[in-house]
Amino acid sequence: VAQHLRKLLATQPGELLTHPDYGAGLQAFLHEPNTLATRSRIREAVERAVNRHEPRVVLEAVTVSDASDDSLDVGALRIELVDRLKRDGQRAGLSARLQIGA
């Protein structure tokens, strides 16, 4: 499941010919400013993609936070997902990094 979630986050809608709506579309945010509004839109895109394309999990939380450690890393975001597997209730998590505009 974690591997599928990573693929989902990395895929742009339209990239897979057989599933044109598959993907979170995070590349659309690459030139957006690192603001609360942008982070909120990224969170919504992740939630929408996971809820639509990963039926094996219940999404419990998605957080998008500023991961800029210093002035050289401006625009780095950390995306964290907390989910629960439907089949056995096991809780899992996933963390990804996204670089967007300053």
Protein backbone atom coordinates (compact mmCIF):
# COMPACT_ATOMS: atom_id res chain seq x y z
CA VAL A 1 0.00 0.00 0.00
CA ALA A 2 2.80 2.44 0.86
CA GLN A 3 4.41 1.90 -2.54
CA HIS A 4 1.09 2.59 -4.27
CA LEU A 5 0.59 5.77 -2.24
CA ARG A 6 4.05 7.02 -3.25
CA LYS A 7 3.25 6.29 -6.90
CA LEU A 8 -0.08 8.09 -6.55
CA LEU A 9 1.61 11.20 -5.11
CA ALA A 10 4.25 11.21 -7.86
CA THR A 11 1.84 10.81 -10.78
CA GLN A 12 0.28 13.62 -12.76
CA PRO A 13 -3.31 13.10 -13.98
CA GLY A 14 -3.18 12.19 -17.67
CA GLU A 15 0.20 10.48 -17.31
CA LEU A 16 -1.29 6.97 -17.41
CA LEU A 17 -3.22 6.46 -20.64
CA THR A 18 -5.39 3.68 -19.21
CA HIS A 19 -6.28 5.74 -16.09
CA PRO A 20 -6.31 9.40 -17.14
CA ASP A 21 -7.63 10.70 -13.81
CA TYR A 22 -5.08 8.78 -11.69
CA GLY A 23 -2.60 10.87 -9.72
CA ALA A 24 -2.43 13.61 -7.13
CA GLY A 25 -1.15 16.22 -9.57
CA LEU A 26 1.40 17.68 -7.17
CA GLN A 27 3.57 18.86 -10.07
CA ALA A 28 1.00 21.61 -10.64
CA PHE A 29 2.26 23.24 -7.42
CA LEU A 30 5.96 23.37 -8.34
CA HIS A 31 5.92 27.10 -9.12
CA GLU A 32 3.42 28.11 -6.45
CA PRO A 33 4.54 30.17 -3.43
CA ASN A 34 5.11 28.42 -0.12
CA THR A 35 2.06 29.84 1.66
CA LEU A 36 -0.64 28.46 3.93
CA ALA A 37 -3.11 28.64 1.04
CA THR A 38 -0.84 26.59 -1.24
CA ARG A 39 -0.19 24.01 1.48
CA SER A 40 -3.95 23.74 2.05
CA ARG A 41 -4.56 23.13 -1.67
CA ILE A 42 -1.83 20.46 -1.71
CA ARG A 43 -3.43 18.74 1.30
CA GLU A 44 -6.80 18.76 -0.46
CA ALA A 45 -5.27 17.31 -3.65
CA VAL A 46 -3.61 14.50 -1.67
CA GLU A 47 -6.81 13.72 0.25
CA ARG A 48 -8.87 13.66 -2.94
CA ALA A 49 -6.39 11.38 -4.77
CA VAL A 50 -6.02 8.90 -1.89
CA ASN A 51 -9.74 8.72 -1.22
CA ARG A 52 -10.45 8.16 -4.90
CA HIS A 53 -7.65 5.76 -5.87
CA GLU A 54 -6.66 3.77 -2.79
CA PRO A 55 -9.70 1.83 -1.54
CA ARG A 56 -7.61 -0.34 0.81
CA VAL A 57 -7.11 2.46 3.34
CA VAL A 58 -9.05 4.91 5.43
CA LEU A 59 -7.20 8.20 5.41
CA GLU A 60 -7.02 9.60 8.94
CA ALA A 61 -4.84 12.67 8.45
CA VAL A 62 -2.82 14.57 5.90
CA THR A 63 -0.46 17.33 6.97
CA VAL A 64 1.58 19.57 4.72
CA SER A 65 4.21 21.55 6.54
CA ASP A 66 7.12 23.81 5.72
CA ALA A 67 10.31 21.72 5.68
CA SER A 68 12.68 24.55 4.85
CA ASP A 69 15.66 23.90 7.10
CA ASP A 70 17.66 26.92 5.97
CA SER A 71 17.68 29.65 3.36
CA LEU A 72 19.04 27.21 0.74
CA ASP A 73 15.97 24.98 1.09
CA VAL A 74 13.22 27.58 0.72
CA GLY A 75 10.05 26.03 -0.61
CA ALA A 76 10.59 22.51 0.70
CA LEU A 77 7.42 20.90 2.03
CA ARG A 78 6.84 17.74 4.03
CA ILE A 79 3.67 15.79 3.25
CA GLU A 80 2.67 13.28 5.92
CA LEU A 81 -0.18 10.80 5.63
CA VAL A 82 -1.67 8.69 8.41
CA ASP A 83 -3.92 5.90 7.24
CA ARG A 84 -5.52 2.72 8.51
CA LEU A 85 -5.77 -0.47 6.48
CA LYS A 86 -9.39 -1.51 6.03
CA ARG A 87 -8.68 -5.25 6.13
CA ASP A 88 -7.11 -5.38 9.60
CA GLY A 89 -7.18 -1.86 11.05
CA GLN A 90 -3.39 -1.61 11.07
CA ARG A 91 -2.23 2.00 11.19
CA ALA A 92 0.44 3.17 8.77
CA GLY A 93 2.12 6.39 7.81
CA LEU A 94 3.95 7.85 4.88
CA SER A 95 6.14 10.90 4.54
CA ALA A 96 7.12 12.60 1.29
CA ARG A 97 8.94 15.76 0.35
CA LEU A 98 7.91 18.27 -2.32
CA GLN A 99 9.92 21.24 -3.54
CA ILE A 100 7.81 24.21 -4.62
CA GLY A 101 8.51 27.82 -5.47
CA ALA A 102 9.77 30.19 -2.82
